[in-house]
Protein backbone atom coordinates (compact mmCIF):
# COMPACT_ATOMS: atom_id res chain seq x y z
CA MET A 1 72.28 -78.94 -20.76
CA LEU A 2 71.75 -78.36 -16.75
CA GLN A 3 70.94 -74.74 -17.21
CA ARG A 4 68.30 -75.59 -19.82
CA PHE A 5 66.69 -78.10 -17.50
CA LEU A 6 66.86 -75.83 -14.57
CA ILE A 7 64.82 -73.08 -16.65
CA LEU A 8 62.41 -75.12 -17.86
CA PHE A 9 61.79 -76.47 -14.30
CA PHE A 10 61.65 -73.01 -12.99
CA ILE A 11 58.85 -72.11 -15.71
CA THR A 12 56.87 -75.21 -15.02
CA GLU A 13 56.61 -74.02 -11.18
CA MET A 14 55.74 -70.98 -12.05
CA ASN A 15 52.83 -71.96 -14.40
CA TRP A 16 51.84 -74.28 -11.50
CA ALA A 17 51.71 -71.72 -8.89
CA LEU A 18 49.86 -69.26 -10.94
CA SER A 19 47.10 -71.95 -11.69
CA LEU A 20 46.88 -72.68 -7.98
CA THR A 21 46.49 -68.93 -7.03
CA THR A 22 43.75 -68.66 -9.85
CA LYS A 23 41.86 -71.62 -8.51
CA ALA A 24 41.97 -70.30 -5.01
CA SER A 25 40.87 -66.86 -5.80
CA LYS A 26 37.83 -68.50 -7.82
CA ILE A 27 37.19 -70.36 -4.51
CA ARG A 28 37.42 -67.58 -2.57
CA GLN A 29 34.85 -65.69 -4.60
CA ARG A 30 32.69 -68.39 -4.70
CA ASN A 31 32.85 -68.63 -1.18
CA ASN A 32 32.35 -64.78 -0.87
CA HIS A 33 29.14 -64.90 -2.77
CA GLN A 34 28.05 -68.02 -1.01
CA ASN A 35 29.06 -66.07 2.25
CA ILE A 36 27.14 -62.80 1.42
CA SER A 37 24.15 -64.87 0.50
CA THR A 38 24.49 -66.99 3.56
CA LEU A 39 24.96 -63.60 5.60
CA LEU A 40 21.64 -62.19 4.22
CA ASP A 41 19.84 -65.23 4.49
CA ASN A 42 20.82 -65.45 8.10
CA LEU A 43 20.23 -61.97 8.65
CA LEU A 44 16.60 -62.24 7.36
CA ARG A 45 15.64 -65.52 8.88
CA GLY A 46 13.00 -64.60 11.37
CA TYR A 47 13.29 -61.07 10.60
CA ASP A 48 9.87 -59.18 10.68
CA ASN A 49 9.65 -55.98 8.32
CA SER A 50 6.51 -54.89 10.02
CA VAL A 51 8.17 -54.01 13.55
CA ARG A 52 10.34 -51.19 13.84
CA PRO A 53 13.83 -51.21 15.09
CA ASP A 54 14.39 -51.51 19.02
CA PHE A 55 10.42 -52.09 19.38
CA GLY A 56 9.60 -51.73 22.91
CA GLY A 57 12.62 -49.72 23.51
CA PRO A 58 13.76 -46.09 22.59
CA PRO A 59 12.54 -44.64 19.37
CA ALA A 60 14.29 -45.17 16.23
CA ILE A 61 16.03 -42.46 15.05
CA ILE A 62 15.79 -41.43 11.36
CA GLU A 63 18.63 -38.95 10.21
CA VAL A 64 17.69 -37.24 6.77
CA ASP A 65 19.59 -34.92 4.49
CA ILE A 66 18.57 -33.41 1.12
CA MET A 67 20.51 -32.70 -2.00
CA VAL A 68 18.67 -30.23 -4.16
CA ARG A 69 19.47 -30.60 -7.97
CA SER A 70 16.94 -28.02 -9.30
CA MET A 71 13.90 -26.07 -8.29
CA GLY A 72 10.92 -24.79 -10.72
CA PRO A 73 8.65 -23.84 -11.62
CA ILE A 74 7.26 -21.54 -8.93
CA SER A 75 3.76 -20.62 -9.59
CA GLU A 76 2.14 -17.78 -7.78
CA VAL A 77 -1.15 -18.36 -8.82
CA ASP A 78 -1.13 -22.27 -7.57
CA MET A 79 0.99 -21.07 -4.97
CA THR A 80 3.28 -23.97 -5.32
CA TYR A 81 6.97 -24.83 -6.06
CA SER A 82 8.66 -28.00 -7.61
CA MET A 83 12.21 -29.28 -7.08
CA ASP A 84 14.41 -32.23 -7.87
CA CYS A 85 16.16 -33.82 -5.09
CA TYR A 86 18.09 -36.52 -3.57
CA PHE A 87 16.32 -37.66 -0.65
CA ARG A 88 18.52 -39.80 1.84
CA GLN A 89 17.26 -41.51 5.06
CA SER A 90 19.38 -43.42 7.51
CA TRP A 91 18.77 -45.23 10.71
CA VAL A 92 20.37 -48.28 12.77
CA ASP A 93 18.72 -51.69 12.54
CA LYS A 94 20.68 -53.76 15.01
CA ARG A 95 19.08 -57.05 13.61
CA LEU A 96 20.90 -56.40 10.27
CA ALA A 97 24.25 -56.03 11.72
CA PHE A 98 27.04 -58.52 10.97
CA ALA A 99 30.38 -59.40 12.06
CA GLY A 100 33.43 -58.37 9.94
CA ASN A 101 35.58 -55.23 9.12
CA SER A 102 33.86 -52.01 10.39
CA LYS A 103 34.52 -50.52 6.72
CA ASP A 104 32.64 -53.26 5.03
CA THR A 105 29.60 -52.16 3.35
CA LEU A 106 27.02 -54.35 1.52
CA ALA A 107 25.51 -52.39 -1.45
CA LEU A 108 22.12 -54.38 -1.78
CA SER A 109 19.59 -54.63 -4.53
CA ILE A 110 16.53 -52.31 -4.28
CA SER A 111 14.22 -55.71 -4.04
CA MET A 112 15.86 -55.88 -0.47
CA LEU A 113 13.83 -52.70 0.38
CA ALA A 114 10.45 -54.98 0.46
CA ARG A 115 12.14 -57.52 2.76
CA ILE A 116 13.53 -54.86 5.64
CA TRP A 117 11.83 -52.23 7.75
CA LYS A 118 11.92 -48.53 6.38
CA PRO A 119 10.13 -45.77 7.66
CA ASP A 120 6.92 -44.16 6.55
CA THR A 121 7.98 -40.92 5.49
CA TYR A 122 5.57 -38.45 3.76
CA PHE A 123 5.55 -34.61 2.88
CA TYR A 124 3.04 -32.75 4.89
CA ASN A 125 2.57 -29.91 2.02
CA GLY A 126 3.28 -31.98 -0.60
CA LYS A 127 0.94 -31.99 -3.54
CA GLN A 128 2.18 -34.32 -6.25
CA SER A 129 5.57 -35.96 -5.85
CA TYR A 130 7.08 -38.96 -7.71
CA LEU A 131 9.83 -41.30 -7.89
CA HIS A 132 11.86 -41.37 -11.02
CA THR A 133 11.80 -44.63 -12.67
CA ILE A 134 13.65 -44.25 -15.97
CA THR A 135 15.70 -46.35 -16.67
CA THR A 136 15.24 -48.06 -13.34
CA PRO A 137 13.89 -46.99 -9.99
CA ASN A 138 16.24 -44.36 -9.02
CA LYS A 139 17.06 -45.51 -5.35
CA PHE A 140 19.61 -47.80 -3.66
CA VAL A 141 20.28 -49.39 -0.43
CA ARG A 142 23.39 -49.86 1.72
CA LEU A 143 24.10 -51.84 4.74
CA TYR A 144 26.85 -51.11 7.08
CA GLN A 145 28.64 -53.46 9.49
CA ASP A 146 27.09 -51.81 12.58
CA GLY A 147 23.55 -52.38 11.23
CA ARG A 148 23.06 -48.93 9.86
CA VAL A 149 20.96 -48.73 6.44
CA LEU A 150 21.42 -45.91 4.06
CA TYR A 151 18.31 -45.37 1.92
CA SER A 152 18.46 -42.75 -0.97
CA SER A 153 16.03 -41.99 -3.67
CA ARG A 154 15.69 -39.24 -6.30
CA LEU A 155 12.18 -37.45 -6.03
CA THR A 156 10.61 -34.67 -7.76
CA ILE A 157 8.23 -32.93 -5.04
CA LYS A 158 5.57 -30.46 -5.64
CA ALA A 159 4.84 -28.77 -2.63
CA GLY A 160 2.69 -25.85 -1.30
CA CYS A 161 4.10 -22.54 -0.75
CA PRO A 162 1.76 -19.98 0.94
CA MET A 163 2.76 -16.63 -0.56
CA ASN A 164 2.30 -13.10 0.74
CA LEU A 165 2.22 -11.06 -2.56
CA GLU A 166 1.97 -7.56 -0.80
CA ASP A 167 5.44 -6.58 -1.87
CA PHE A 168 5.39 -8.11 -5.20
CA PRO A 169 7.44 -7.89 -7.51
CA MET A 170 9.88 -6.94 -4.60
CA ASP A 171 8.93 -9.69 -2.37
CA ILE A 172 10.75 -12.54 -0.91
CA GLN A 173 9.06 -15.78 -0.20
CA ARG A 174 9.32 -18.49 2.31
CA CYS A 175 8.79 -21.84 0.96
CA PRO A 176 8.50 -24.69 3.48
CA LEU A 177 8.99 -28.31 2.94
CA LYS A 178 7.67 -30.39 5.85
CA PHE A 179 7.87 -34.05 6.21
CA GLY A 180 7.86 -36.77 8.95
CA SER A 181 6.17 -40.10 9.78
CA PHE A 182 2.70 -40.69 8.56
CA GLY A 183 1.73 -43.64 11.16
CA TYR A 184 4.47 -43.66 13.76
CA THR A 185 4.39 -41.13 16.67
CA SER A 186 7.18 -39.45 18.65
CA GLN A 187 7.42 -42.26 20.73
CA ASP A 188 8.42 -44.64 18.04
CA VAL A 189 10.12 -42.75 15.62
CA ILE A 190 12.01 -39.48 15.67
CA TYR A 191 13.46 -37.39 12.60
CA GLN A 192 16.74 -35.44 12.85
CA TRP A 193 18.90 -33.98 10.23
CA ASN A 194 22.12 -35.45 9.54
CA ARG A 195 24.80 -33.28 11.63
CA ALA A 196 27.26 -33.54 8.60
CA ARG A 197 25.07 -32.28 5.85
CA GLN A 198 21.56 -31.02 6.00
CA VAL A 199 20.43 -29.36 2.88
CA ALA A 200 22.78 -29.01 0.27
CA ILE A 201 22.19 -27.17 -3.09
CA ALA A 202 24.01 -27.97 -6.30
CA GLU A 203 26.33 -25.55 -7.67
CA ASP A 204 25.20 -25.30 -11.09
CA MET A 205 21.51 -24.54 -9.95
CA LYS A 206 19.93 -21.53 -11.20
CA LEU A 207 16.28 -20.19 -11.15
CA SER A 208 14.69 -17.92 -13.88
CA GLN A 209 12.58 -15.83 -11.44
CA PHE A 210 14.42 -16.00 -8.05
CA ASP A 211 17.43 -16.16 -6.15
CA LEU A 212 17.81 -18.90 -3.33
CA ILE A 213 19.18 -16.73 -0.61
CA ALA A 214 18.86 -19.02 2.33
CA THR A 215 17.87 -22.52 3.26
CA PRO A 216 17.46 -22.83 7.27
CA ALA A 217 16.40 -26.13 8.74
CA ALA A 218 14.99 -27.16 11.91
CA ASN A 219 13.42 -29.92 14.07
CA HIS A 220 9.56 -29.47 14.93
CA THR A 221 7.19 -31.56 16.61
CA ASP A 222 3.53 -31.89 15.36
CA THR A 223 0.73 -32.27 17.50
CA VAL A 224 -2.74 -33.71 16.26
CA VAL A 225 -5.44 -33.09 18.71
CA ASN A 226 -8.31 -35.57 18.61
CA SER A 227 -11.82 -34.31 19.90
CA ASP A 228 -14.44 -36.23 21.54
CA ILE A 229 -17.53 -35.61 19.54
CA LYS A 230 -19.78 -36.95 22.28
CA SER A 231 -18.55 -34.70 25.02
CA GLY A 232 -17.02 -32.05 22.87
CA VAL A 233 -13.99 -31.93 25.08
CA CYS A 234 -10.68 -31.74 23.45
CA SER A 235 -7.79 -34.18 24.66
CA LEU A 236 -4.98 -32.01 24.41
CA PHE A 237 -2.75 -33.45 26.84
CA MET A 238 -3.72 -37.14 25.34
CA ALA A 239 -3.14 -36.09 21.82
CA PRO A 240 -0.55 -37.91 19.78
CA LYS A 241 2.58 -36.18 18.82
CA TYR A 242 4.52 -36.50 15.51
CA SER A 243 8.05 -35.86 14.91
CA MET A 244 8.76 -33.51 11.58
CA LEU A 245 11.64 -31.83 9.83
CA LEU A 246 11.18 -28.46 8.22
CA VAL A 247 13.46 -26.85 5.67
CA SER A 248 12.60 -23.29 4.40
CA PHE A 249 13.61 -22.17 1.00
CA HIS A 250 14.14 -18.27 0.94
CA LEU A 251 13.38 -16.92 -2.64
CA GLN A 252 14.13 -13.40 -3.55
CA ARG A 253 12.44 -12.29 -6.84
CA HIS A 254 14.21 -10.70 -9.90
CA MET A 255 12.69 -7.41 -10.59
CA GLY A 256 14.18 -7.09 -14.14
CA ASN A 257 11.58 -8.62 -16.16
CA PHE A 258 8.63 -6.25 -14.34
CA LEU A 259 10.78 -3.26 -14.82
CA ILE A 260 10.76 -3.68 -18.67
CA GLN A 261 7.28 -5.22 -19.13
CA VAL A 262 5.40 -3.09 -16.65
CA TYR A 263 7.14 -0.35 -14.93
CA GLY A 264 9.02 1.22 -17.97
CA PRO A 265 5.94 1.31 -20.10
CA CYS A 266 3.72 2.80 -17.34
CA ILE A 267 6.37 5.83 -16.84
CA LEU A 268 6.35 6.30 -20.51
CA LEU A 269 2.57 6.55 -20.64
CA VAL A 270 2.52 8.92 -18.00
CA VAL A 271 5.23 11.15 -19.51
CA LEU A 272 3.11 10.86 -22.88
CA SER A 273 -0.11 12.29 -21.37
CA TRP A 274 1.64 15.42 -20.31
CA VAL A 275 2.29 16.32 -23.89
CA SER A 276 -1.43 17.77 -23.86
CA PHE A 277 -0.09 20.67 -21.38
CA TRP A 278 1.80 21.98 -24.25
CA LEU A 279 -1.12 21.69 -27.02
CA ASN A 280 -3.20 24.56 -27.83
CA ARG A 281 -6.34 24.59 -25.50
CA GLU A 282 -8.52 25.02 -28.55
CA ALA A 283 -7.29 21.61 -29.83
CA THR A 284 -10.16 19.85 -28.09
CA ALA A 285 -10.04 16.77 -30.36
CA ASP A 286 -6.11 16.18 -30.00
CA ARG A 287 -6.10 16.66 -26.35
CA VAL A 288 -8.93 14.35 -25.64
CA SER A 289 -7.80 11.64 -28.08
CA LEU A 290 -4.38 11.59 -26.35
CA GLY A 291 -6.02 11.44 -23.08
CA ILE A 292 -8.25 8.59 -24.07
CA THR A 293 -5.79 6.74 -26.04
CA THR A 294 -3.33 6.77 -23.05
CA VAL A 295 -6.08 5.55 -20.65
CA LEU A 296 -7.13 2.68 -22.57
CA THR A 297 -3.43 1.69 -23.05
CA MET A 298 -2.91 1.79 -19.36
CA THR A 299 -6.02 -0.06 -18.61
CA PHE A 300 -4.72 -2.91 -20.83
CA LEU A 301 -1.23 -2.67 -19.36
CA GLY A 302 -2.55 -2.95 -15.75
CA LEU A 303 -4.90 -5.96 -16.57
CA GLU A 304 -1.96 -7.90 -18.43
CA ALA A 305 0.30 -7.27 -15.42
CA ARG A 306 -2.15 -9.19 -13.31
CA THR A 307 -2.61 -12.17 -15.42
CA ASP A 308 0.00 -14.38 -13.77
CA LEU A 309 -1.05 -13.56 -10.06
CA PRO A 310 -3.84 -14.86 -8.11
CA LYS A 311 -6.88 -13.13 -7.21
CA VAL A 312 -5.70 -12.01 -3.76
CA PRO A 313 -8.10 -9.79 -1.73
CA TYR A 314 -5.21 -7.21 -1.16
CA PRO A 315 -3.35 -4.98 -3.45
CA THR A 316 0.33 -5.48 -4.38
CA ALA A 317 3.09 -3.24 -4.84
CA LEU A 318 2.74 -3.23 -8.52
CA ASP A 319 -1.19 -2.49 -8.16
CA PHE A 320 -0.25 0.51 -6.37
CA PHE A 321 2.12 1.54 -8.90
CA VAL A 322 -0.40 0.86 -11.84
CA PHE A 323 -3.03 2.47 -10.14
CA LEU A 324 -0.63 5.67 -9.40
CA SER A 325 -0.13 5.84 -13.08
CA PHE A 326 -3.59 5.51 -14.00
CA THR A 327 -4.55 8.23 -11.87
CA PHE A 328 -2.01 10.67 -13.33
CA ILE A 329 -3.26 9.91 -16.80
CA PHE A 330 -6.97 10.39 -15.77
CA ALA A 331 -5.91 13.29 -14.04
CA THR A 332 -4.62 14.94 -17.13
CA ILE A 333 -7.95 14.74 -18.80
CA ILE A 334 -9.65 16.35 -16.03
CA GLN A 335 -7.14 18.80 -16.22
CA PHE A 336 -8.19 19.80 -19.87
CA ALA A 337 -11.68 19.79 -18.72
CA VAL A 338 -10.94 22.54 -16.31
CA VAL A 339 -8.96 24.48 -18.71
CA HIS A 340 -11.61 23.91 -21.33
CA TYR A 341 -14.17 25.23 -18.75
CA PHE A 342 -12.43 28.43 -18.00
CA THR A 343 -11.68 29.20 -21.69
CA LYS A 344 -13.72 31.87 -23.17
CA TYR A 345 -15.72 31.28 -26.25
CA GLY A 346 -14.07 32.80 -29.12
CA SER A 347 -10.76 33.56 -27.52
CA GLY A 348 -8.73 31.74 -30.19
CA GLU A 349 -5.99 32.77 -32.31
CA CYS A 350 -5.85 35.59 -34.42
CA TYR A 351 -3.99 35.05 -38.01
CA PHE A 352 -3.46 38.28 -40.30
CA SER A 353 -2.04 37.77 -43.66
CA ASN A 354 -1.56 40.74 -45.81
CA GLU A 355 0.76 39.24 -48.52
CA LEU A 356 -0.67 37.91 -51.75
CA SER A 357 0.72 34.45 -53.32
CA SER A 358 1.29 33.64 -56.75
CA GLU A 359 -1.35 30.70 -56.23
CA SER A 360 -4.18 33.06 -55.27
CA SER A 361 -4.45 34.72 -58.93
CA SER A 362 -6.93 31.97 -59.92
CA ASP A 363 -8.96 32.49 -56.71
CA GLU A 364 -9.17 36.21 -57.28
CA ASP A 365 -10.50 35.70 -60.92
CA ASP A 366 -13.17 33.35 -59.64
CA TRP A 367 -14.07 35.96 -56.99
CA LYS A 368 -14.27 38.57 -59.73
CA SER A 369 -16.56 36.33 -62.08
CA SER A 370 -18.75 35.52 -59.12
CA ASP A 371 -18.91 39.03 -58.06
CA THR A 372 -20.05 40.16 -61.54
CA LYS A 373 -22.88 37.51 -61.49
CA ARG A 374 -23.97 38.58 -58.26
CA THR A 375 -24.53 42.14 -58.86
CA SER A 376 -26.40 41.69 -62.11
CA THR A 377 -29.24 40.31 -60.02
CA GLU A 378 -28.81 42.73 -57.10
CA THR A 379 -30.34 45.77 -58.60
CA PRO A 380 -32.48 46.85 -55.83
CA PHE A 381 -29.51 47.83 -53.95
CA ASN A 382 -28.11 50.04 -57.00
CA GLU A 383 -28.52 53.66 -57.15
CA PRO A 384 -30.42 54.87 -60.00
CA GLY A 385 -28.56 56.00 -63.08
CA LEU A 386 -25.56 53.67 -62.10
CA LYS A 387 -24.55 51.14 -64.82
CA LYS A 388 -23.75 47.38 -63.93
CA SER A 389 -19.97 48.33 -64.72
CA ASN A 390 -20.05 51.09 -62.24
CA SER A 391 -21.83 48.54 -59.68
CA THR A 392 -19.06 46.04 -60.20
CA ASN A 393 -16.24 48.50 -59.71
CA SER A 394 -17.50 49.93 -56.43
CA LYS A 395 -18.02 46.36 -54.92
CA ARG A 396 -14.45 45.69 -56.06
CA THR A 397 -13.33 49.03 -54.53
CA ASN A 398 -15.32 48.27 -51.41
CA TYR A 399 -13.79 44.77 -51.00
CA GLN A 400 -10.21 46.14 -51.35
CA GLY A 401 -10.67 48.95 -49.05
CA VAL A 402 -12.16 46.98 -46.27
CA ASN A 403 -9.20 44.43 -46.50
CA GLY A 404 -6.34 47.05 -46.71
CA GLY A 405 -6.00 47.56 -50.35
CA GLN A 406 -5.04 43.82 -50.85
CA PRO A 407 -7.72 41.71 -53.06
CA HIS A 408 -8.75 38.38 -51.77
CA LEU A 409 -7.16 38.83 -48.01
CA LEU A 410 -8.39 36.23 -45.59
CA GLU A 411 -8.17 36.98 -41.89
CA VAL A 412 -8.85 34.71 -39.17
CA ILE A 413 -10.11 36.61 -36.09
CA PRO A 414 -11.62 36.18 -32.65
CA LEU A 415 -15.43 35.87 -33.02
CA SER A 416 -15.93 38.01 -29.89
CA MET A 417 -14.25 40.78 -31.67
CA CYS A 418 -16.50 40.99 -34.53
CA SER A 419 -18.75 44.03 -35.30
CA ILE A 420 -22.02 43.17 -37.39
CA PRO A 421 -24.04 46.11 -38.31
CA ILE A 422 -27.81 45.97 -37.41
CA THR A 423 -29.79 47.75 -40.12
CA SER A 424 -33.60 48.43 -40.07
CA GLY A 425 -33.80 48.42 -43.66
CA ARG A 426 -34.25 45.54 -46.01
CA ARG A 427 -31.99 42.70 -45.94
CA SER A 428 -30.12 40.99 -48.71
CA SER A 429 -30.81 37.72 -49.95
CA HIS A 430 -27.19 36.69 -49.40
CA ASN A 431 -25.36 36.22 -45.82
CA PHE A 432 -21.76 37.50 -45.85
CA PRO A 433 -19.15 36.82 -43.46
CA CYS A 434 -18.08 39.24 -40.91
CA ILE A 435 -14.65 40.48 -41.87
CA GLY A 436 -14.27 43.34 -39.14
CA CYS A 437 -12.51 43.52 -35.92
CA ALA A 438 -13.11 45.95 -33.08
CA GLU A 439 -9.41 46.77 -32.63
CA ALA A 440 -8.74 48.22 -35.86
CA ASP A 441 -7.93 51.50 -36.54
CA GLU A 442 -10.47 54.24 -36.65
CA ASP A 443 -11.04 54.20 -40.39
CA ASP A 444 -12.00 50.63 -39.92
CA LYS A 445 -14.77 51.06 -37.56
CA THR A 446 -17.59 50.39 -39.79
CA TYR A 447 -17.00 47.32 -42.28
CA ILE A 448 -19.01 46.64 -45.36
CA PRO A 449 -19.06 43.20 -46.76
CA SER A 450 -18.59 43.18 -50.68
CA GLY A 451 -21.65 42.48 -52.52
CA ILE A 452 -23.73 45.38 -51.25
CA ASN A 453 -23.93 48.64 -52.93
CA VAL A 454 -23.98 51.75 -50.65
CA ILE A 455 -24.77 55.30 -51.16
CA SER A 456 -22.30 57.64 -52.78
CA GLY A 457 -21.96 59.42 -49.64
CA GLN A 458 -20.63 56.15 -47.67
CA ARG A 459 -18.56 55.05 -50.89
CA LEU A 460 -14.81 54.94 -50.12
CA SER A 461 -12.57 56.83 -52.31
CA PHE A 462 -9.46 55.78 -54.35
CA GLN A 463 -7.16 57.70 -51.87
CA GLY A 464 -8.54 55.92 -48.97
CA GLN A 465 -7.25 52.62 -50.74
CA LYS A 466 -4.01 53.93 -51.28
CA HIS A 467 -3.75 55.09 -47.71
CA ARG A 468 -4.51 51.38 -46.87
CA ARG A 469 -2.05 49.96 -48.98
CA LYS A 470 0.54 51.92 -47.24
CA LYS A 471 -0.55 50.90 -43.84
CA LYS A 472 1.78 48.86 -41.91
CA LYS A 473 1.40 45.11 -41.55
CA ARG A 474 -0.47 44.00 -38.57
CA THR A 475 1.38 41.48 -36.46
CA PRO A 476 -0.54 38.38 -35.45
CA ARG A 477 -2.13 38.13 -32.14
CA PHE A 478 -1.73 34.83 -30.47
CA ASN A 479 -4.01 33.19 -27.93
CA SER A 480 -2.59 33.37 -24.41
CA VAL A 481 -1.70 30.21 -22.85
CA SER A 482 -3.81 28.97 -19.70
CA LYS A 483 -2.41 29.67 -16.39
CA ILE A 484 -3.40 26.13 -15.38
CA ASP A 485 -1.55 24.31 -18.26
CA ARG A 486 1.62 26.38 -17.01
CA ALA A 487 1.31 25.34 -13.74
CA SER A 488 0.49 21.75 -14.64
CA ARG A 489 3.92 21.50 -16.53
CA ILE A 490 5.99 21.77 -13.64
CA PHE A 491 3.29 20.70 -10.73
CA PHE A 492 2.41 17.01 -12.50
CA PRO A 493 6.21 16.01 -12.75
CA LEU A 494 7.06 17.13 -9.91
CA LEU A 495 4.53 15.29 -7.97
CA PHE A 496 5.05 12.37 -9.85
CA LEU A 497 8.74 12.25 -9.04
CA THR A 498 8.07 12.78 -5.34
CA ILE A 499 5.52 9.92 -5.04
CA ASN A 500 7.97 7.67 -6.85
CA LEU A 501 10.74 8.39 -4.77
CA PHE A 502 8.76 7.56 -1.53
CA TYR A 503 7.32 4.67 -3.24
CA TRP A 504 10.53 3.00 -4.11
CA TYR A 505 12.22 3.96 -0.78
CA SER A 506 9.39 2.35 1.30
CA TYR A 507 9.24 -0.83 -0.43
CA LEU A 508 12.98 -1.26 -1.10
CA SER A 509 13.63 -0.59 2.75
CA ARG A 510 10.92 -2.90 3.59
CA THR A 511 12.53 -5.60 1.44
CA LYS A 512 15.86 -5.25 3.06
CA ARG A 513 14.09 -5.55 6.49
CA ILE A 514 12.53 -8.92 5.63
CA GLN A 515 15.57 -10.30 4.11
CA GLN A 516 17.45 -9.50 7.59
CA LEU A 517 14.86 -10.84 9.58
CA ASN A 518 14.58 -14.15 7.16
CA VAL A 519 18.43 -14.61 7.36
CA ALA A 520 18.41 -14.26 11.09
CA TYR A 521 15.82 -16.72 11.20
C-alpha cells in the first residue's frame, strides 16, 4: 500500500510541475511579445524617419550587394537589358539599437519600412523597373542589436546598355548598372559594396544569346555641375557630388545562330553562282537567270539579317560579310557579260549526225510528199523535155548527194562557216536553209539546196552518191571554252577563300583582345 501511495504522490507532483512550467512559458512568451512591442515602441518614440542617421556628423554608409537570379531579354534595337535580382541594402542607425544578446535579430514587418529611415536609392540608367508584389510585396526588414538594418527586395530592372555593334555578331557588350542616392550628396550618404559579397550570380542562370564572362564592380562619384545662366560661368568647384556604385555585366554573344542563319547560306549562294563558269557561254538565258536569282536571294538574306539590329551609322562585321558575298555574286554576272562580249557571233557548237533512226521514216515520207508537190509548181526551173518524175528523182538525188548519201540528215553548224551562193539569175519563190560548211571536202565546195533543178552538167551522178555513202563519219566540233571562264574557275574560289581567312582572323583576334581588356578591367 505504501508503494502505491508513493507512486500516486510522485505522479501528482510531476503533473503539477509540468503545469507550472507551461504557465511560466506562456507568461514568458506573453512577456516577450509585450517586451518586443514595448521595445519597438520605445525605439520609435521620438524617431524622425525624415532625418538620416548621424545627422550633422559623418555620412551614413550604405552597403549594397546584389544576387542576380536571371537576365534577359537583351535587345539590340532598344539597347536595353533586363534582369531579376535580390537587391540588398544595409546601414547602421544607432537610434534603433537595443540592449540584449549580440546575436538577437528582429524580423520586422514591411509596415515598419514606413516608420524608419531608408535611403532613396535609384538607378541612373534604369528605364523601367518594378518591385514584385505577388503574392505580397517581395521585401523584408531585419533589425540587429547594434542598430544595423538590412533591407532586401526583389526587383526586375530594365536598364540601358550602350552597345558598340562594329564586331557584331562576334562582339562583347559591356552593360552597366549604376545606382546611388537621388537626393543625398556624398556628404550625407556614401554607397559601398559589401565586402563579403558584391555581385553574386545564380548557378542555374543561362542566357540564350550570350555568355556572362565577367561582373566587375566599382565605386564611383558622380558630379553634377550647375551653371549660372545669368553669368554663364560654371561653378565646377561648388557642384555637389553624389556617391554611386557601378557594376558591369560583360556579355559575349553566341555565334551559332548566325552561322546557321546567315554565314552558311551566304557561302552556299556564292558557291552556287560559280556554277555559271561551267555552263556553255552560248547559254545566255541559263547564266543570266542563275545570276539574277542568286542576287535577289542574297539581297533578301542581307535585309533579313538586319531586322533585329538598330539602324546604326556604321557597318557591322555581318554587314561586311553580306556585302562581300553580294559583291562576288554580282561579279559573276559582270564576268559573264565580259565573256559574252568577247564571244564571236556564230561560234557555237557543231553537231553532225550521219546515222538514221527508225523514228525518222515518217519524216522522210513527209519530206518526199512535200517535195513532189513542190516540183509540180516549179516548172520554170525544169529543163525542157524532162518529166516531173525525173525532176522529182533529181531533187531527191541532189538532197542525198548534198548530205553525204543519207536522206533527211540534220546538221547544226556555225553560221560563220556557211557558204551561200549568190546568183544573178531569177530567184526562187522559196527560201531554203543553208546546209553547207566551208571546212567540208573539195567535193562539197558548192552545195545546192533541194527543191532547185540545175542543168545536166551540174547534176550529181549515182557514183558520187555512192562515194559519199562510203565517206567516214565526221566527228563533232565542240565550241572552245572561254579562257576567262577557265581562269574564273580558279581565281574566284581562291580570292573568296583568301578574303574569308583574313576576315575571320581579324575579327576573332580582335574579339580576343577586347575580352582580355575587359577581364583585366
